[in-house]
N, C-alpha and C. Protein backbone atom coordinates (compact mmCIF):
# COMPACT_ATOMS: atom_id res chain seq x y z
N MET A 1 82.17 200.93 73.93
CA MET A 1 82.42 202.30 74.29
C MET A 1 83.88 202.43 74.69
N VAL A 2 84.59 203.37 74.09
CA VAL A 2 86.01 203.55 74.35
C VAL A 2 86.21 204.85 75.10
N CYS A 3 86.95 204.79 76.18
CA CYS A 3 87.24 205.97 76.98
C CYS A 3 88.74 206.19 77.04
N GLY A 4 89.15 207.43 77.19
CA GLY A 4 90.56 207.73 77.36
C GLY A 4 91.19 208.26 76.08
N CYS A 5 92.48 208.47 76.14
CA CYS A 5 93.23 209.04 75.03
C CYS A 5 94.08 207.98 74.35
N VAL A 6 93.44 207.00 73.81
CA VAL A 6 94.17 205.93 73.15
C VAL A 6 94.09 206.16 71.66
N HIS A 7 95.23 206.05 71.01
CA HIS A 7 95.28 206.21 69.56
C HIS A 7 95.51 204.85 68.93
N ALA A 8 94.56 204.40 68.15
CA ALA A 8 94.69 203.11 67.48
C ALA A 8 95.21 203.34 66.07
N PRO A 9 96.09 202.48 65.59
CA PRO A 9 96.57 202.64 64.22
C PRO A 9 95.45 202.35 63.23
N LYS A 10 95.51 203.02 62.09
CA LYS A 10 94.51 202.81 61.06
C LYS A 10 94.60 201.39 60.53
N ALA A 11 93.46 200.86 60.18
CA ALA A 11 93.41 199.48 59.69
C ALA A 11 94.11 199.34 58.35
N THR A 12 94.17 200.43 57.58
CA THR A 12 94.80 200.35 56.26
C THR A 12 96.31 200.44 56.34
N ALA A 13 96.83 200.98 57.42
CA ALA A 13 98.29 201.11 57.56
C ALA A 13 98.86 199.81 58.12
N ARG A 14 99.57 199.10 57.30
CA ARG A 14 100.19 197.85 57.74
C ARG A 14 101.69 197.95 57.55
N LYS A 15 102.38 197.34 58.47
CA LYS A 15 103.83 197.29 58.34
C LYS A 15 104.18 196.21 57.32
N SER A 16 105.05 196.56 56.42
CA SER A 16 105.48 195.56 55.44
C SER A 16 106.79 194.95 55.91
N LYS A 17 106.72 193.67 56.14
CA LYS A 17 107.93 192.96 56.55
C LYS A 17 108.65 192.50 55.30
N SER A 18 109.87 192.94 55.17
CA SER A 18 110.64 192.48 54.02
C SER A 18 111.23 191.11 54.32
N ALA A 19 111.29 190.30 53.30
CA ALA A 19 111.85 188.95 53.48
C ALA A 19 113.33 189.06 53.79
N PRO A 20 113.84 188.21 54.68
CA PRO A 20 115.25 188.28 55.00
C PRO A 20 116.09 187.96 53.76
N GLU A 21 117.22 188.64 53.67
CA GLU A 21 118.10 188.45 52.53
C GLU A 21 118.71 187.05 52.58
N VAL A 22 118.69 186.39 51.44
CA VAL A 22 119.28 185.06 51.34
C VAL A 22 120.65 185.21 50.70
N LEU A 23 121.67 184.76 51.42
CA LEU A 23 123.03 184.87 50.92
C LEU A 23 123.37 183.67 50.05
N GLN A 24 124.22 183.92 49.09
CA GLN A 24 124.68 182.85 48.21
C GLN A 24 125.56 181.90 49.02
N ASN A 25 125.46 180.62 48.71
CA ASN A 25 126.28 179.61 49.38
C ASN A 25 127.06 178.86 48.31
N PRO A 26 128.36 178.99 48.20
CA PRO A 26 129.32 179.61 49.11
C PRO A 26 129.33 181.13 48.99
N ILE A 27 129.81 181.76 50.05
CA ILE A 27 129.89 183.21 50.12
C ILE A 27 131.33 183.64 49.87
N LEU A 28 131.49 184.75 49.17
CA LEU A 28 132.82 185.30 48.90
C LEU A 28 133.20 186.24 50.04
N VAL A 29 134.33 185.96 50.69
CA VAL A 29 134.81 186.82 51.78
C VAL A 29 136.22 187.28 51.45
N ARG A 30 136.61 188.39 52.06
CA ARG A 30 137.96 188.91 51.87
C ARG A 30 138.70 188.84 53.20
N ALA A 31 139.92 188.33 53.13
CA ALA A 31 140.75 188.21 54.33
C ALA A 31 142.18 188.55 53.94
N ASN A 32 143.00 188.84 54.96
CA ASN A 32 144.39 189.22 54.71
C ASN A 32 145.20 188.09 54.09
N ASN A 33 144.99 186.87 54.57
CA ASN A 33 145.73 185.72 54.06
C ASN A 33 144.96 184.44 54.36
N ASP A 34 145.52 183.31 53.93
CA ASP A 34 144.87 182.01 54.14
C ASP A 34 144.64 181.73 55.62
N ASN A 35 145.67 181.99 56.42
CA ASN A 35 145.59 181.69 57.85
C ASN A 35 144.51 182.53 58.53
N ASP A 36 144.42 183.81 58.17
CA ASP A 36 143.41 184.70 58.76
C ASP A 36 142.00 184.21 58.43
N CYS A 37 141.78 183.86 57.18
CA CYS A 37 140.45 183.37 56.76
C CYS A 37 140.11 182.08 57.49
N TRP A 38 141.06 181.17 57.55
CA TRP A 38 140.81 179.87 58.19
C TRP A 38 140.50 180.03 59.67
N GLU A 39 141.33 180.79 60.39
CA GLU A 39 141.15 180.94 61.83
C GLU A 39 139.84 181.65 62.18
N ARG A 40 139.48 182.66 61.41
CA ARG A 40 138.23 183.37 61.69
C ARG A 40 137.01 182.48 61.41
N THR A 41 137.11 181.66 60.37
CA THR A 41 136.02 180.73 60.05
C THR A 41 135.87 179.68 61.14
N VAL A 42 136.98 179.10 61.58
CA VAL A 42 136.94 178.08 62.65
C VAL A 42 136.41 178.70 63.94
N ASP A 43 136.86 179.90 64.25
CA ASP A 43 136.41 180.58 65.48
C ASP A 43 134.90 180.81 65.46
N LEU A 44 134.37 181.23 64.33
CA LEU A 44 132.93 181.46 64.24
C LEU A 44 132.16 180.14 64.30
N LEU A 45 132.69 179.11 63.69
CA LEU A 45 132.02 177.81 63.70
C LEU A 45 131.97 177.22 65.10
N HIS A 46 132.96 177.57 65.94
CA HIS A 46 132.97 177.11 67.34
C HIS A 46 131.76 177.63 68.11
N ASP A 47 131.16 178.73 67.68
CA ASP A 47 129.96 179.25 68.34
C ASP A 47 128.76 178.31 68.15
N TYR A 48 128.82 177.47 67.13
CA TYR A 48 127.71 176.59 66.80
C TYR A 48 128.00 175.12 67.12
N PHE A 49 129.19 174.66 66.80
CA PHE A 49 129.52 173.23 66.89
C PHE A 49 130.92 173.04 67.46
N GLU A 50 131.19 171.78 67.84
CA GLU A 50 132.54 171.37 68.22
C GLU A 50 133.21 170.82 66.97
N ILE A 51 134.43 171.27 66.71
CA ILE A 51 135.15 170.85 65.51
C ILE A 51 135.64 169.42 65.67
N SER A 52 135.39 168.61 64.67
CA SER A 52 135.84 167.22 64.68
C SER A 52 137.15 167.06 63.90
N ARG A 53 137.22 167.71 62.74
CA ARG A 53 138.38 167.53 61.87
C ARG A 53 138.60 168.79 61.04
N GLU A 54 139.86 169.20 60.93
CA GLU A 54 140.24 170.32 60.08
C GLU A 54 141.32 169.84 59.12
N ASN A 55 141.19 170.19 57.85
CA ASN A 55 142.20 169.86 56.87
C ASN A 55 142.42 171.09 56.00
N ARG A 56 143.48 171.82 56.31
CA ARG A 56 143.75 173.07 55.57
C ARG A 56 144.12 172.81 54.12
N LEU A 57 144.79 171.69 53.85
CA LEU A 57 145.19 171.40 52.46
C LEU A 57 143.96 171.18 51.58
N ASP A 58 142.98 170.46 52.09
CA ASP A 58 141.74 170.24 51.33
C ASP A 58 140.75 171.37 51.51
N GLY A 59 140.96 172.21 52.53
CA GLY A 59 140.04 173.31 52.81
C GLY A 59 138.72 172.86 53.40
N ILE A 60 138.75 171.81 54.23
CA ILE A 60 137.52 171.24 54.80
C ILE A 60 137.55 171.32 56.32
N ILE A 61 136.44 171.75 56.89
CA ILE A 61 136.24 171.72 58.33
C ILE A 61 134.99 170.87 58.57
N GLU A 62 135.12 169.88 59.42
CA GLU A 62 134.01 168.98 59.74
C GLU A 62 133.73 169.07 61.23
N THR A 63 132.46 169.09 61.60
CA THR A 63 132.10 169.20 63.02
C THR A 63 131.56 167.87 63.54
N ARG A 64 131.54 167.76 64.85
CA ARG A 64 130.92 166.59 65.49
C ARG A 64 129.41 166.79 65.45
N PRO A 65 128.64 165.70 65.41
CA PRO A 65 127.18 165.85 65.50
C PRO A 65 126.81 166.47 66.84
N LYS A 66 125.87 167.40 66.81
CA LYS A 66 125.42 168.06 68.03
C LYS A 66 123.91 167.92 68.14
N VAL A 67 123.45 167.48 69.30
CA VAL A 67 122.01 167.35 69.54
C VAL A 67 121.41 168.75 69.55
N GLY A 68 120.30 168.92 68.84
CA GLY A 68 119.67 170.22 68.68
C GLY A 68 119.24 170.85 69.99
N ALA A 69 119.41 172.17 70.06
CA ALA A 69 119.03 172.93 71.25
C ALA A 69 117.52 173.00 71.37
N SER A 70 117.03 172.84 72.58
CA SER A 70 115.59 172.88 72.84
C SER A 70 115.16 174.29 73.21
N LEU A 71 113.88 174.44 73.49
CA LEU A 71 113.34 175.73 73.92
C LEU A 71 113.97 176.19 75.23
N LEU A 72 114.43 175.24 76.04
CA LEU A 72 115.00 175.58 77.34
C LEU A 72 116.50 175.88 77.26
N GLU A 73 117.07 175.90 76.05
CA GLU A 73 118.49 176.18 75.86
C GLU A 73 118.68 177.32 74.85
N PRO A 74 118.25 178.53 75.18
CA PRO A 74 118.34 179.62 74.21
C PRO A 74 119.77 180.07 73.91
N TRP A 75 120.73 179.70 74.73
CA TRP A 75 122.11 180.13 74.51
C TRP A 75 122.80 179.32 73.42
N HIS A 76 122.27 178.16 73.05
CA HIS A 76 122.85 177.38 71.96
C HIS A 76 122.32 177.92 70.64
N LYS A 77 123.20 178.03 69.65
CA LYS A 77 122.83 178.63 68.37
C LYS A 77 122.48 177.61 67.28
N ASP A 78 122.54 176.33 67.57
CA ASP A 78 122.43 175.34 66.51
C ASP A 78 121.00 175.06 66.04
N SER A 79 119.99 175.54 66.74
CA SER A 79 118.61 175.40 66.27
C SER A 79 118.14 176.78 65.84
N ALA A 80 118.00 176.97 64.53
CA ALA A 80 117.65 178.28 63.98
C ALA A 80 116.13 178.41 63.87
N GLY A 81 115.58 179.34 64.62
CA GLY A 81 114.15 179.60 64.54
C GLY A 81 113.33 178.80 65.54
N LEU A 82 112.13 179.30 65.81
CA LEU A 82 111.24 178.68 66.79
C LEU A 82 110.81 177.28 66.37
N LYS A 83 110.53 177.09 65.10
CA LYS A 83 110.08 175.77 64.62
C LYS A 83 111.15 174.70 64.89
N ASN A 84 112.41 175.02 64.58
CA ASN A 84 113.49 174.05 64.81
C ASN A 84 113.72 173.81 66.29
N ARG A 85 113.59 174.85 67.12
CA ARG A 85 113.76 174.67 68.57
C ARG A 85 112.65 173.79 69.14
N LEU A 86 111.43 174.02 68.68
CA LEU A 86 110.31 173.21 69.14
C LEU A 86 110.49 171.75 68.69
N GLU A 87 110.91 171.57 67.46
CA GLU A 87 111.15 170.22 66.95
C GLU A 87 112.24 169.52 67.76
N SER A 88 113.31 170.24 68.10
CA SER A 88 114.39 169.65 68.89
C SER A 88 113.97 169.39 70.33
N THR A 89 112.95 170.11 70.81
CA THR A 89 112.44 169.88 72.15
C THR A 89 111.62 168.59 72.20
N LEU A 90 110.84 168.35 71.15
CA LEU A 90 109.92 167.21 71.14
C LEU A 90 110.51 165.94 70.53
N GLN A 91 111.59 166.07 69.78
CA GLN A 91 112.18 164.92 69.08
C GLN A 91 113.70 165.06 69.14
N SER A 92 114.40 163.94 69.22
CA SER A 92 115.87 163.97 69.22
C SER A 92 116.35 164.29 67.81
N ILE A 93 116.92 165.48 67.66
CA ILE A 93 117.44 165.95 66.38
C ILE A 93 118.91 166.27 66.59
N ARG A 94 119.73 165.95 65.61
CA ARG A 94 121.14 166.35 65.68
C ARG A 94 121.55 166.94 64.35
N ARG A 95 122.56 167.79 64.41
CA ARG A 95 123.07 168.44 63.20
C ARG A 95 124.58 168.33 63.18
N ARG A 96 125.13 168.35 61.99
CA ARG A 96 126.58 168.45 61.84
C ARG A 96 126.85 169.29 60.61
N ALA A 97 127.99 169.96 60.62
CA ALA A 97 128.31 170.90 59.56
C ALA A 97 129.60 170.53 58.85
N PHE A 98 129.63 170.85 57.58
CA PHE A 98 130.83 170.72 56.76
C PHE A 98 131.05 172.08 56.11
N VAL A 99 132.23 172.64 56.32
CA VAL A 99 132.55 173.95 55.77
C VAL A 99 133.74 173.80 54.84
N SER A 100 133.64 174.40 53.67
CA SER A 100 134.75 174.37 52.71
C SER A 100 135.27 175.78 52.51
N VAL A 101 136.59 175.92 52.47
CA VAL A 101 137.25 177.21 52.25
C VAL A 101 138.14 177.05 51.03
N THR A 102 137.85 177.85 49.99
CA THR A 102 138.59 177.77 48.73
C THR A 102 139.13 179.14 48.37
N SER A 103 140.41 179.20 48.04
CA SER A 103 141.04 180.47 47.66
C SER A 103 140.71 180.79 46.20
N THR A 104 140.36 182.06 45.95
CA THR A 104 140.11 182.55 44.59
C THR A 104 140.88 183.86 44.43
N PRO A 105 141.04 184.36 43.21
CA PRO A 105 141.73 185.65 43.03
C PRO A 105 141.02 186.82 43.71
N GLU A 106 139.68 186.74 43.87
CA GLU A 106 138.92 187.83 44.50
C GLU A 106 138.91 187.74 46.02
N GLY A 107 139.23 186.59 46.58
CA GLY A 107 139.15 186.38 48.03
C GLY A 107 139.06 184.90 48.33
N TYR A 108 138.10 184.55 49.18
CA TYR A 108 137.92 183.16 49.59
C TYR A 108 136.44 182.80 49.50
N LEU A 109 136.16 181.64 48.94
CA LEU A 109 134.80 181.13 48.91
C LEU A 109 134.63 180.21 50.11
N VAL A 110 133.66 180.55 50.98
CA VAL A 110 133.38 179.74 52.16
C VAL A 110 131.98 179.16 51.99
N GLY A 111 131.92 177.85 51.87
CA GLY A 111 130.65 177.15 51.71
C GLY A 111 130.27 176.43 52.99
N VAL A 112 128.99 176.46 53.33
CA VAL A 112 128.50 175.83 54.56
C VAL A 112 127.40 174.84 54.20
N GLU A 113 127.54 173.62 54.69
CA GLU A 113 126.51 172.59 54.55
C GLU A 113 126.22 172.03 55.93
N VAL A 114 124.97 172.14 56.36
CA VAL A 114 124.55 171.60 57.65
C VAL A 114 123.54 170.49 57.38
N PHE A 115 123.83 169.32 57.91
CA PHE A 115 122.95 168.17 57.73
C PHE A 115 122.21 167.88 59.02
N LYS A 116 120.93 167.59 58.88
CA LYS A 116 120.03 167.39 60.02
C LYS A 116 119.58 165.94 60.03
N GLU A 117 119.58 165.33 61.23
CA GLU A 117 119.17 163.94 61.37
C GLU A 117 118.23 163.79 62.55
N MET A 118 117.30 162.83 62.44
CA MET A 118 116.35 162.54 63.51
C MET A 118 116.66 161.15 64.05
N GLU A 119 116.55 160.99 65.37
CA GLU A 119 116.86 159.70 65.99
C GLU A 119 115.82 158.66 65.59
N ASP A 120 116.30 157.49 65.24
CA ASP A 120 115.46 156.36 64.87
C ASP A 120 115.46 155.39 66.05
N VAL A 121 114.45 155.51 66.89
CA VAL A 121 114.37 154.67 68.08
C VAL A 121 113.80 153.32 67.67
N PRO A 122 114.51 152.23 67.99
CA PRO A 122 113.99 150.91 67.63
C PRO A 122 112.71 150.60 68.39
N GLU A 123 111.84 149.81 67.76
CA GLU A 123 110.60 149.42 68.43
C GLU A 123 110.91 148.51 69.60
N GLY A 124 109.99 148.44 70.53
CA GLY A 124 110.18 147.57 71.67
C GLY A 124 110.89 148.23 72.82
N ASN A 125 110.91 149.56 72.82
CA ASN A 125 111.54 150.27 73.92
C ASN A 125 110.56 150.56 75.04
N GLY A 126 109.41 149.89 75.02
CA GLY A 126 108.40 150.12 76.05
C GLY A 126 108.85 149.60 77.40
N ASN A 127 108.06 149.85 78.39
CA ASN A 127 108.38 149.37 79.73
C ASN A 127 108.24 147.86 79.78
N SER A 128 109.21 147.23 80.36
CA SER A 128 109.16 145.78 80.54
C SER A 128 109.84 145.43 81.85
N ALA A 129 109.74 144.19 82.19
CA ALA A 129 110.35 143.73 83.44
C ALA A 129 111.86 143.77 83.34
N GLY A 130 112.39 143.79 82.13
CA GLY A 130 113.83 143.87 81.95
C GLY A 130 114.42 142.53 81.59
N ASN A 131 115.64 142.56 81.10
CA ASN A 131 116.31 141.33 80.69
C ASN A 131 116.80 140.51 81.87
N ALA A 132 116.92 141.12 83.03
CA ALA A 132 117.42 140.39 84.19
C ALA A 132 116.33 139.51 84.81
N THR A 133 115.09 139.73 84.41
CA THR A 133 113.99 138.91 84.93
C THR A 133 113.91 137.63 84.11
N PHE A 134 113.90 136.50 84.79
CA PHE A 134 113.87 135.22 84.10
C PHE A 134 112.43 134.85 83.74
N GLN A 135 112.26 134.39 82.55
CA GLN A 135 110.97 133.91 82.09
C GLN A 135 110.89 132.41 82.39
N GLU A 136 110.13 132.02 83.37
CA GLU A 136 110.10 130.62 83.79
C GLU A 136 109.27 129.74 82.86
N ASN A 137 108.35 130.32 82.13
CA ASN A 137 107.47 129.50 81.32
C ASN A 137 107.93 129.36 79.87
N ARG A 138 109.07 129.93 79.51
CA ARG A 138 109.57 129.81 78.14
C ARG A 138 110.93 129.14 78.14
N PRO A 139 111.17 128.22 77.21
CA PRO A 139 112.48 127.58 77.15
C PRO A 139 113.52 128.54 76.58
N LEU A 140 114.77 128.27 76.86
CA LEU A 140 115.87 129.06 76.34
C LEU A 140 115.91 128.92 74.83
N GLN A 141 115.99 130.04 74.13
CA GLN A 141 116.04 130.02 72.67
C GLN A 141 117.44 130.39 72.23
N ARG A 142 118.02 129.54 71.41
CA ARG A 142 119.36 129.80 70.89
C ARG A 142 119.30 129.86 69.37
N ASP A 143 120.02 130.79 68.82
CA ASP A 143 120.13 130.90 67.37
C ASP A 143 121.54 130.48 67.00
N LEU A 144 121.69 129.25 66.55
CA LEU A 144 123.01 128.73 66.24
C LEU A 144 123.43 129.01 64.80
N GLN A 145 122.52 129.52 63.99
CA GLN A 145 122.85 129.84 62.61
C GLN A 145 122.82 131.35 62.43
N THR A 146 123.96 131.94 62.65
CA THR A 146 124.06 133.39 62.53
C THR A 146 124.06 133.78 61.06
N ILE A 147 123.22 134.70 60.70
CA ILE A 147 123.12 135.18 59.33
C ILE A 147 123.82 136.52 59.25
N VAL A 148 124.80 136.60 58.37
CA VAL A 148 125.51 137.86 58.18
C VAL A 148 124.83 138.58 57.03
N GLY A 149 124.30 139.73 57.31
CA GLY A 149 123.58 140.49 56.29
C GLY A 149 123.97 141.96 56.36
N GLU A 150 123.04 142.79 55.97
CA GLU A 150 123.28 144.22 56.01
C GLU A 150 123.44 144.68 57.45
N SER A 151 124.32 145.64 57.61
CA SER A 151 124.50 146.17 58.96
C SER A 151 123.30 147.04 59.32
N GLU A 152 123.03 147.11 60.58
CA GLU A 152 121.90 147.92 61.04
C GLU A 152 122.25 149.39 60.91
N SER A 153 121.22 150.22 60.87
CA SER A 153 121.46 151.66 60.77
C SER A 153 122.11 152.16 62.05
N ASP A 154 122.72 153.32 61.94
CA ASP A 154 123.40 153.88 63.11
C ASP A 154 122.43 154.56 64.06
N GLY A 155 121.13 154.45 63.80
CA GLY A 155 120.13 154.99 64.71
C GLY A 155 119.68 156.40 64.37
N TRP A 156 120.06 156.92 63.20
CA TRP A 156 119.67 158.27 62.81
C TRP A 156 119.15 158.27 61.38
N ILE A 157 118.06 159.01 61.16
CA ILE A 157 117.44 159.13 59.84
C ILE A 157 117.78 160.51 59.29
N SER A 158 118.31 160.55 58.08
CA SER A 158 118.69 161.83 57.48
C SER A 158 117.44 162.64 57.12
N LEU A 159 117.44 163.91 57.49
CA LEU A 159 116.35 164.83 57.13
C LEU A 159 116.81 165.84 56.09
N GLY A 160 118.00 165.64 55.54
CA GLY A 160 118.52 166.55 54.53
C GLY A 160 119.28 167.71 55.14
N ARG A 161 119.39 168.77 54.36
CA ARG A 161 120.15 169.93 54.81
C ARG A 161 119.27 170.90 55.58
N ASP A 162 119.89 171.61 56.51
CA ASP A 162 119.21 172.62 57.32
C ASP A 162 119.57 173.99 56.74
N ALA A 163 118.79 174.42 55.74
CA ALA A 163 119.09 175.67 55.02
C ALA A 163 119.01 176.88 55.94
N ARG A 164 118.12 176.85 56.90
CA ARG A 164 117.97 178.00 57.80
C ARG A 164 119.22 178.21 58.66
N LEU A 165 119.79 177.14 59.19
CA LEU A 165 121.01 177.25 59.97
C LEU A 165 122.20 177.61 59.08
N GLU A 166 122.23 177.07 57.87
CA GLU A 166 123.28 177.44 56.92
C GLU A 166 123.26 178.95 56.67
N GLN A 167 122.06 179.51 56.47
CA GLN A 167 121.95 180.95 56.23
C GLN A 167 122.39 181.75 57.46
N ARG A 168 122.05 181.27 58.65
CA ARG A 168 122.45 181.98 59.86
C ARG A 168 123.98 182.02 59.98
N ILE A 169 124.63 180.90 59.69
CA ILE A 169 126.10 180.85 59.75
C ILE A 169 126.70 181.73 58.67
N LEU A 170 126.12 181.72 57.46
CA LEU A 170 126.62 182.57 56.38
C LEU A 170 126.48 184.05 56.71
N VAL A 171 125.37 184.43 57.33
CA VAL A 171 125.18 185.83 57.74
C VAL A 171 126.24 186.22 58.77
N ASP A 172 126.51 185.33 59.73
CA ASP A 172 127.55 185.61 60.73
C ASP A 172 128.93 185.69 60.08
N LEU A 173 129.20 184.83 59.10
CA LEU A 173 130.48 184.90 58.38
C LEU A 173 130.60 186.22 57.63
N HIS A 174 129.52 186.61 56.96
CA HIS A 174 129.52 187.88 56.23
C HIS A 174 129.79 189.05 57.18
N ARG A 175 129.14 189.03 58.33
CA ARG A 175 129.35 190.07 59.34
C ARG A 175 130.79 190.06 59.86
N GLU A 176 131.31 188.87 60.12
CA GLU A 176 132.68 188.73 60.64
C GLU A 176 133.71 189.27 59.66
N PHE A 177 133.57 188.96 58.39
CA PHE A 177 134.56 189.39 57.41
C PHE A 177 134.29 190.80 56.88
N SER A 178 133.15 191.39 57.20
CA SER A 178 132.86 192.77 56.79
C SER A 178 133.53 193.77 57.72
N ARG A 179 133.73 193.38 58.96
CA ARG A 179 134.40 194.29 59.90
C ARG A 179 135.90 194.05 59.83
N LYS A 180 136.64 195.04 60.14
CA LYS A 180 138.11 194.94 60.03
C LYS A 180 138.73 194.46 61.28
């Protein structure tokens, strides 16, 4: 039994959510000159990452790896969407970006590539008495024949590119270069 003056929407009337527009990567932007395009791109990228290396001659901007923002860090922009934020909360995830800026007769092509990596924690990280505790019942073990082989991994497993964050950066670039 329903009482009061409540108006419920009809079951047949549904809101149609349009899919977000996917921008081409690289995106064509217009700027006054090379310096203007470069500085605006670097400034926008600073909102997401810390810049590691810039090379204007090659047109490459490289960022330092950044640990993904968790649910408790909404002010960081590097985790795009709830799924990525939840993943970064539960697992150590890091991202780094490579941006290319190329001059063309129509303007500048700005390409964004964001790579995502997951931490590879070695086994045996469980709780133990520690290395400072002496094992009295085991003899000292020495390995006098060192084998030189493949180097160990750097502790991160590549998860490929983060297309969602790439699109977010491209949308911001489009917005930045659309205004005067």
